[in-house]
Amino acid sequence: MISYFNLLDPEILLNTDYLIELGPEGGPKGGKVIAVGTPKDIKRNKESITGPYLI
């Protein structure tokens, strides 16, 4: 099952199997894939904006 979420609740994000982070902003400056992978992968990805918030 695939679910799409537009949220930044670290507790929910840490309990997912796989994340696809889009950004870096909204509208014309967004929609690019910034990071993909497990929450651990996202935490290690230096391009990720969300990664630093995943404790």
C-alpha atoms as a PDB file:
ATOM      1  CA  MET A   1       0.000   0.000   0.000  1.00  0.00           C
ATOM      2  CA  ILE A   2       1.293   3.453  -0.887  1.00  0.00           C
ATOM      3  CA  SER A   3       0.159   6.531   1.008  1.00  0.00           C
ATOM      4  CA  TYR A   4       1.003  10.141   0.282  1.00  0.00           C
ATOM      5  CA  PHE A   5       1.393  12.629   3.116  1.00  0.00           C
ATOM      6  CA  ASN A   6       2.148  16.310   3.132  1.00  0.00           C
ATOM      7  CA  LEU A   7       3.196  16.750   6.731  1.00  0.00           C
ATOM      8  CA  LEU A   8       6.198  17.256   8.890  1.00  0.00           C
ATOM      9  CA  ASP A   9       5.353  15.274  12.011  1.00  0.00           C
ATOM     10  CA  PRO A  10       8.684  13.572  12.817  1.00  0.00           C
ATOM     11  CA  GLU A  11       7.016  10.793  14.822  1.00  0.00           C
ATOM     12  CA  ILE A  12       4.878   9.757  11.856  1.00  0.00           C
ATOM     13  CA  LEU A  13       7.745  10.118   9.371  1.00  0.00           C
ATOM     14  CA  LEU A  14      10.055   7.973  11.519  1.00  0.00           C
ATOM     15  CA  ASN A  15       7.505   5.143  11.438  1.00  0.00           C
ATOM     16  CA  THR A  16       7.238   4.944   7.659  1.00  0.00           C
ATOM     17  CA  ASP A  17       8.936   2.323   5.506  1.00  0.00           C
ATOM     18  CA  TYR A  18      10.007   4.711   2.768  1.00  0.00           C
ATOM     19  CA  LEU A  19       9.954   8.476   2.177  1.00  0.00           C
ATOM     20  CA  ILE A  20      10.080  10.665  -0.917  1.00  0.00           C
ATOM     21  CA  GLU A  21      10.932  14.272  -0.071  1.00  0.00           C
ATOM     22  CA  LEU A  22       9.926  16.895  -2.614  1.00  0.00           C
ATOM     23  CA  GLY A  23      10.912  20.542  -2.585  1.00  0.00           C
ATOM     24  CA  PRO A  24      12.760  22.669  -1.893  1.00  0.00           C
ATOM     25  CA  GLU A  25       9.774  25.036  -1.817  1.00  0.00           C
ATOM     26  CA  GLY A  26       6.244  25.108  -3.166  1.00  0.00           C
ATOM     27  CA  GLY A  27       4.962  26.215  -6.556  1.00  0.00           C
ATOM     28  CA  PRO A  28       7.479  26.780  -9.346  1.00  0.00           C
ATOM     29  CA  LYS A  29      10.403  26.338  -6.928  1.00  0.00           C
ATOM     30  CA  GLY A  30       9.200  22.935  -5.748  1.00  0.00           C
ATOM     31  CA  GLY A  31       8.335  19.522  -7.053  1.00  0.00           C
ATOM     32  CA  LYS A  32      11.891  18.260  -7.351  1.00  0.00           C
ATOM     33  CA  VAL A  33      12.933  15.055  -5.627  1.00  0.00           C
ATOM     34  CA  ILE A  34      15.331  16.013  -2.841  1.00  0.00           C
ATOM     35  CA  ALA A  35      15.709  12.713  -1.001  1.00  0.00           C
ATOM     36  CA  VAL A  36      14.325   9.158  -1.114  1.00  0.00           C
ATOM     37  CA  GLY A  37      14.696   6.160   1.135  1.00  0.00           C
ATOM     38  CA  THR A  38      14.066   4.955   4.635  1.00  0.00           C
ATOM     39  CA  PRO A  39      13.944   7.473   7.489  1.00  0.00           C
ATOM     40  CA  LYS A  40      17.591   6.547   8.264  1.00  0.00           C
ATOM     41  CA  ASP A  41      18.529   7.308   4.651  1.00  0.00           C
ATOM     42  CA  ILE A  42      16.777  10.673   4.837  1.00  0.00           C
ATOM     43  CA  LYS A  43      18.584  11.544   8.101  1.00  0.00           C
ATOM     44  CA  ARG A  44      21.959  10.863   6.439  1.00  0.00           C
ATOM     45  CA  ASN A  45      21.138  12.708   3.205  1.00  0.00           C
ATOM     46  CA  LYS A  46      22.839  16.132   3.284  1.00  0.00           C
ATOM     47  CA  GLU A  47      20.405  17.449   0.644  1.00  0.00           C
ATOM     48  CA  SER A  48      17.378  16.669   2.825  1.00  0.00           C
ATOM     49  CA  ILE A  49      15.544  19.521   4.506  1.00  0.00           C
ATOM     50  CA  THR A  50      13.510  17.098   6.632  1.00  0.00           C
ATOM     51  CA  GLY A  51      16.426  14.895   7.741  1.00  0.00           C
ATOM     52  CA  PRO A  52      17.696  17.099  10.578  1.00  0.00           C
ATOM     53  CA  TYR A  53      14.249  16.986  12.221  1.00  0.00           C
ATOM     54  CA  LEU A  54      14.173  13.174  12.330  1.00  0.00           C
ATOM     55  CA  ILE A  55      15.632  12.470  15.777  1.00  0.00           C
END
